[in-house]
Protein backbone atom coordinates (compact mmCIF):
# COMPACT_ATOMS: atom_id res chain seq x y z
CA MET A 1 37.00 29.43 3.37
CA ASN A 2 33.31 30.19 3.18
CA ILE A 3 31.02 27.49 1.93
CA THR A 4 28.02 28.74 0.01
CA GLN A 5 24.51 27.39 0.37
CA GLU A 6 24.79 26.10 -3.21
CA GLN A 7 27.90 24.10 -2.29
CA LEU A 8 26.13 22.69 0.77
CA ASP A 9 23.13 21.74 -1.36
CA GLN A 10 25.40 20.04 -3.90
CA ASP A 11 27.20 18.16 -1.13
CA ASN A 12 23.87 17.04 0.34
CA THR A 13 22.63 15.93 -3.07
CA ARG A 14 25.89 14.06 -3.72
CA THR A 15 25.62 12.34 -0.34
CA GLU A 16 21.99 11.36 -0.95
CA LEU A 17 22.85 9.99 -4.39
CA LEU A 18 25.77 7.97 -3.02
CA ASN A 19 23.54 6.58 -0.27
CA ASP A 20 20.92 5.68 -2.88
CA LEU A 21 23.59 3.98 -4.97
CA VAL A 22 24.79 1.90 -2.01
CA ALA A 23 21.22 0.99 -1.02
CA THR A 24 20.36 -0.04 -4.59
CA SER A 25 23.51 -2.11 -4.86
CA THR A 26 22.66 -3.86 -1.59
CA VAL A 27 19.17 -4.75 -2.83
CA MET A 28 20.57 -5.93 -6.17
CA ASP A 29 23.08 -8.17 -4.38
CA GLU A 30 20.32 -9.65 -2.23
CA MET A 31 18.05 -10.23 -5.23
CA TRP A 32 20.89 -11.89 -7.15
CA ARG A 33 21.03 -14.55 -4.46
CA TYR A 34 17.63 -15.77 -5.73
CA HIS A 35 17.82 -14.79 -9.42
CA PRO A 36 17.12 -17.59 -11.92
CA ASP A 37 20.28 -16.74 -13.89
CA ASN A 38 22.46 -17.19 -10.80
CA PRO A 39 24.00 -20.68 -11.01
CA LYS A 40 24.36 -20.69 -7.21
CA LYS A 41 20.90 -19.29 -6.50
CA LYS A 42 19.24 -19.91 -3.18
CA ASP A 43 15.92 -21.71 -2.84
CA ILE A 44 13.64 -18.83 -1.90
CA ILE A 45 10.98 -21.10 -0.37
CA LYS A 46 13.55 -22.75 1.88
CA GLU A 47 15.12 -19.41 2.81
CA TYR A 48 11.70 -17.94 3.61
CA LYS A 49 10.91 -20.85 5.93
CA ILE A 50 14.22 -20.26 7.71
CA LEU A 51 13.39 -16.57 8.15
CA LYS A 52 9.94 -17.42 9.51
CA GLN A 53 11.54 -19.71 12.08
CA ILE A 54 14.05 -17.02 13.07
CA PHE A 55 11.17 -14.56 13.41
CA THR A 56 9.25 -16.97 15.62
CA ASN A 57 12.32 -17.64 17.76
CA ILE A 58 12.87 -13.92 18.30
CA GLU A 59 9.21 -13.46 19.24
CA HIS A 60 9.54 -16.24 21.82
CA GLU A 61 12.69 -14.71 23.26
CA LEU A 62 10.92 -11.37 23.61
CA GLU A 63 7.98 -13.05 25.31
CA GLU A 64 10.37 -14.70 27.77
CA LEU A 65 11.98 -11.35 28.54
CA ASN A 66 8.57 -9.82 29.21
CA LYS A 67 7.63 -12.40 31.85
């Protein structure tokens, strides 16, 4: 079976669209965690502080590895 360039292009477009759909869904899920309408929403200020600490810890670990 020979696949035409048009079929390849359609497959590539379909794949890109599916990847975009998954990526968008992932971002939406993450945003929902902090959305005001979410009854179980996370405190974004608290979560940001946690991420900053994780970032700092990783930086320190890298510094230790570079010694």
